């Protein structure tokens, strides 16, 4: 959870000073937070399925933004 918060905070800071954010660390930060939270509440988590869901969400946002 901590690594995900650090990555997202880094990208937030970069966006505040006008530096382009990294999509990779944003995605990894979200995956790290979701994985960490799920480890706290669920015994067995399939990491591959979680990564596929995160990739799908990323692609939806990426192509939706590109279409505008």
N, C-alpha and C. Protein backbone atom coordinates (compact mmCIF):
# COMPACT_ATOMS: atom_id res chain seq x y z
N UNK A 1 0.84 -1.18 0.00
CA UNK A 1 0.00 0.00 0.00
C UNK A 1 0.89 1.24 0.00
N UNK A 2 1.96 1.20 0.76
CA UNK A 2 2.84 2.36 0.88
C UNK A 2 3.50 2.73 -0.43
N UNK A 3 3.94 1.73 -1.19
CA UNK A 3 4.59 2.00 -2.48
C UNK A 3 3.59 2.64 -3.44
N UNK A 4 2.37 2.14 -3.45
CA UNK A 4 1.35 2.72 -4.32
C UNK A 4 1.06 4.17 -3.97
N UNK A 5 1.01 4.47 -2.68
CA UNK A 5 0.77 5.85 -2.26
C UNK A 5 1.94 6.74 -2.67
N UNK A 6 3.16 6.24 -2.54
CA UNK A 6 4.33 7.02 -2.94
C UNK A 6 4.30 7.31 -4.43
N UNK A 7 4.00 6.30 -5.25
CA UNK A 7 3.95 6.51 -6.71
C UNK A 7 2.87 7.50 -7.10
N UNK A 8 1.69 7.37 -6.49
CA UNK A 8 0.61 8.30 -6.83
C UNK A 8 0.92 9.71 -6.33
N UNK A 9 1.54 9.83 -5.16
CA UNK A 9 1.92 11.15 -4.66
C UNK A 9 2.99 11.78 -5.54
N UNK A 10 3.91 10.98 -6.03
CA UNK A 10 4.93 11.48 -6.95
C UNK A 10 4.29 12.05 -8.22
N UNK A 11 3.34 11.34 -8.77
CA UNK A 11 2.67 11.83 -9.97
C UNK A 11 1.81 13.05 -9.68
N UNK A 12 1.20 13.10 -8.52
CA UNK A 12 0.43 14.28 -8.14
C UNK A 12 1.35 15.50 -8.05
N UNK A 13 2.49 15.33 -7.42
CA UNK A 13 3.46 16.43 -7.32
C UNK A 13 3.95 16.87 -8.68
N UNK A 14 4.20 15.91 -9.56
CA UNK A 14 4.65 16.26 -10.91
C UNK A 14 3.58 17.04 -11.66
N UNK A 15 2.32 16.66 -11.50
CA UNK A 15 1.26 17.38 -12.20
C UNK A 15 1.07 18.79 -11.65
N UNK A 16 1.32 18.97 -10.37
CA UNK A 16 1.17 20.30 -9.76
C UNK A 16 2.22 21.29 -10.24
N UNK A 17 3.43 20.80 -10.60
CA UNK A 17 4.47 21.71 -11.06
C UNK A 17 4.55 21.77 -12.59
N UNK A 18 3.63 21.08 -13.27
CA UNK A 18 3.56 21.17 -14.71
C UNK A 18 4.37 20.15 -15.48
N UNK A 19 4.94 19.17 -14.79
CA UNK A 19 5.70 18.11 -15.45
C UNK A 19 4.72 17.00 -15.82
N UNK A 20 4.81 16.45 -17.03
CA UNK A 20 3.88 15.37 -17.41
C UNK A 20 4.02 14.16 -16.48
N UNK A 21 2.88 13.58 -16.13
CA UNK A 21 2.90 12.42 -15.25
C UNK A 21 3.23 11.17 -16.03
N UNK A 22 3.70 10.16 -15.34
CA UNK A 22 4.03 8.88 -15.95
C UNK A 22 2.82 7.95 -15.82
N UNK A 23 2.33 7.49 -16.93
CA UNK A 23 1.18 6.58 -16.90
C UNK A 23 1.56 5.24 -16.28
N UNK A 24 2.80 4.84 -16.45
CA UNK A 24 3.24 3.55 -15.92
C UNK A 24 3.20 3.57 -14.40
N UNK A 25 3.78 4.59 -13.77
CA UNK A 25 3.79 4.63 -12.31
C UNK A 25 2.40 4.90 -11.75
N UNK A 26 1.55 5.59 -12.50
CA UNK A 26 0.18 5.77 -12.06
C UNK A 26 -0.54 4.42 -12.03
N UNK A 27 -0.40 3.66 -13.09
CA UNK A 27 -1.03 2.34 -13.14
C UNK A 27 -0.48 1.40 -12.09
N UNK A 28 0.84 1.40 -11.94
CA UNK A 28 1.46 0.54 -10.92
C UNK A 28 1.06 0.97 -9.51
N UNK A 29 0.93 2.27 -9.29
CA UNK A 29 0.51 2.75 -7.98
C UNK A 29 -0.90 2.29 -7.63
N UNK A 30 -1.79 2.36 -8.61
CA UNK A 30 -3.16 1.90 -8.39
C UNK A 30 -3.19 0.40 -8.14
N UNK A 31 -2.44 -0.35 -8.94
CA UNK A 31 -2.38 -1.81 -8.75
C UNK A 31 -1.80 -2.15 -7.38
N UNK A 32 -0.76 -1.44 -6.96
CA UNK A 32 -0.14 -1.71 -5.66
C UNK A 32 -1.11 -1.44 -4.51
N UNK A 33 -1.86 -0.36 -4.61
CA UNK A 33 -2.83 -0.05 -3.55
C UNK A 33 -3.94 -1.09 -3.52
N UNK A 34 -4.49 -1.42 -4.68
CA UNK A 34 -5.57 -2.42 -4.72
C UNK A 34 -5.08 -3.77 -4.22
N UNK A 35 -3.88 -4.16 -4.63
CA UNK A 35 -3.33 -5.44 -4.17
C UNK A 35 -3.09 -5.43 -2.66
N UNK A 36 -2.54 -4.34 -2.14
CA UNK A 36 -2.29 -4.26 -0.71
C UNK A 36 -3.56 -4.29 0.12
N UNK A 37 -4.57 -3.57 -0.34
CA UNK A 37 -5.85 -3.56 0.38
C UNK A 37 -6.51 -4.93 0.29
N UNK A 38 -6.44 -5.56 -0.88
CA UNK A 38 -7.05 -6.88 -1.02
C UNK A 38 -6.33 -7.92 -0.17
N UNK A 39 -5.03 -7.78 0.03
CA UNK A 39 -4.29 -8.70 0.89
C UNK A 39 -4.73 -8.57 2.34
N UNK A 40 -5.17 -7.39 2.72
CA UNK A 40 -5.63 -7.18 4.09
C UNK A 40 -6.98 -7.84 4.36
N UNK A 41 -7.84 -7.90 3.33
CA UNK A 41 -9.21 -8.35 3.56
C UNK A 41 -9.56 -9.69 2.91
N UNK A 42 -8.77 -10.13 1.95
CA UNK A 42 -9.07 -11.38 1.24
C UNK A 42 -7.86 -12.30 1.36
N UNK A 43 -8.11 -13.56 1.63
CA UNK A 43 -7.02 -14.52 1.82
C UNK A 43 -6.26 -14.82 0.53
N UNK A 44 -6.99 -15.15 -0.53
CA UNK A 44 -6.36 -15.59 -1.78
C UNK A 44 -6.67 -14.59 -2.89
N UNK A 45 -5.65 -13.93 -3.42
CA UNK A 45 -5.82 -12.95 -4.48
C UNK A 45 -5.05 -13.42 -5.70
N UNK A 46 -5.73 -13.46 -6.84
CA UNK A 46 -5.08 -13.83 -8.10
C UNK A 46 -4.46 -12.57 -8.71
N UNK A 47 -3.15 -12.47 -8.67
CA UNK A 47 -2.44 -11.27 -9.12
C UNK A 47 -2.61 -11.08 -10.62
N UNK A 48 -2.60 -12.15 -11.38
CA UNK A 48 -2.74 -12.04 -12.83
C UNK A 48 -4.09 -11.45 -13.20
N UNK A 49 -5.16 -11.91 -12.55
CA UNK A 49 -6.49 -11.36 -12.83
C UNK A 49 -6.56 -9.89 -12.43
N UNK A 50 -5.95 -9.54 -11.33
CA UNK A 50 -5.92 -8.15 -10.89
C UNK A 50 -5.18 -7.27 -11.89
N UNK A 51 -4.08 -7.76 -12.42
CA UNK A 51 -3.32 -7.01 -13.42
C UNK A 51 -4.11 -6.85 -14.70
N UNK A 52 -4.86 -7.87 -15.10
CA UNK A 52 -5.68 -7.75 -16.31
C UNK A 52 -6.81 -6.75 -16.13
N UNK A 53 -7.42 -6.71 -14.98
CA UNK A 53 -8.47 -5.73 -14.71
C UNK A 53 -7.89 -4.32 -14.75
N UNK A 54 -6.73 -4.13 -14.14
CA UNK A 54 -6.09 -2.81 -14.14
C UNK A 54 -5.72 -2.39 -15.56
N UNK A 55 -5.22 -3.33 -16.36
CA UNK A 55 -4.88 -3.03 -17.75
C UNK A 55 -6.13 -2.65 -18.54
N UNK A 56 -7.21 -3.35 -18.31
CA UNK A 56 -8.47 -3.02 -18.99
C UNK A 56 -8.98 -1.64 -18.64
N UNK A 57 -8.92 -1.28 -17.37
CA UNK A 57 -9.35 0.06 -16.95
C UNK A 57 -8.46 1.12 -17.57
N UNK A 58 -7.16 0.87 -17.59
CA UNK A 58 -6.23 1.82 -18.19
C UNK A 58 -6.53 2.01 -19.67
N UNK A 59 -6.76 0.93 -20.39
CA UNK A 59 -7.04 1.03 -21.83
C UNK A 59 -8.34 1.77 -22.10
N UNK A 60 -9.35 1.55 -21.28
CA UNK A 60 -10.61 2.26 -21.44
C UNK A 60 -10.40 3.76 -21.29
N UNK A 61 -9.70 4.18 -20.24
CA UNK A 61 -9.44 5.60 -20.04
C UNK A 61 -8.55 6.17 -21.13
N UNK A 62 -7.56 5.41 -21.57
CA UNK A 62 -6.63 5.89 -22.58
C UNK A 62 -7.34 6.15 -23.90
N UNK A 63 -8.14 5.20 -24.36
CA UNK A 63 -8.81 5.38 -25.65
C UNK A 63 -9.99 6.33 -25.55
N UNK A 64 -10.61 6.45 -24.38
CA UNK A 64 -11.68 7.43 -24.22
C UNK A 64 -11.12 8.84 -24.29
N UNK A 65 -9.97 9.06 -23.70
CA UNK A 65 -9.33 10.37 -23.75
C UNK A 65 -8.85 10.68 -25.17
N UNK A 66 -8.36 9.67 -25.87
CA UNK A 66 -7.86 9.86 -27.23
C UNK A 66 -9.00 10.19 -28.19
N UNK A 67 -10.19 9.66 -27.94
CA UNK A 67 -11.33 9.87 -28.83
C UNK A 67 -11.89 11.29 -28.73
N UNK A 68 -11.61 11.98 -27.66
CA UNK A 68 -12.17 13.33 -27.48
C UNK A 68 -11.44 14.32 -28.25
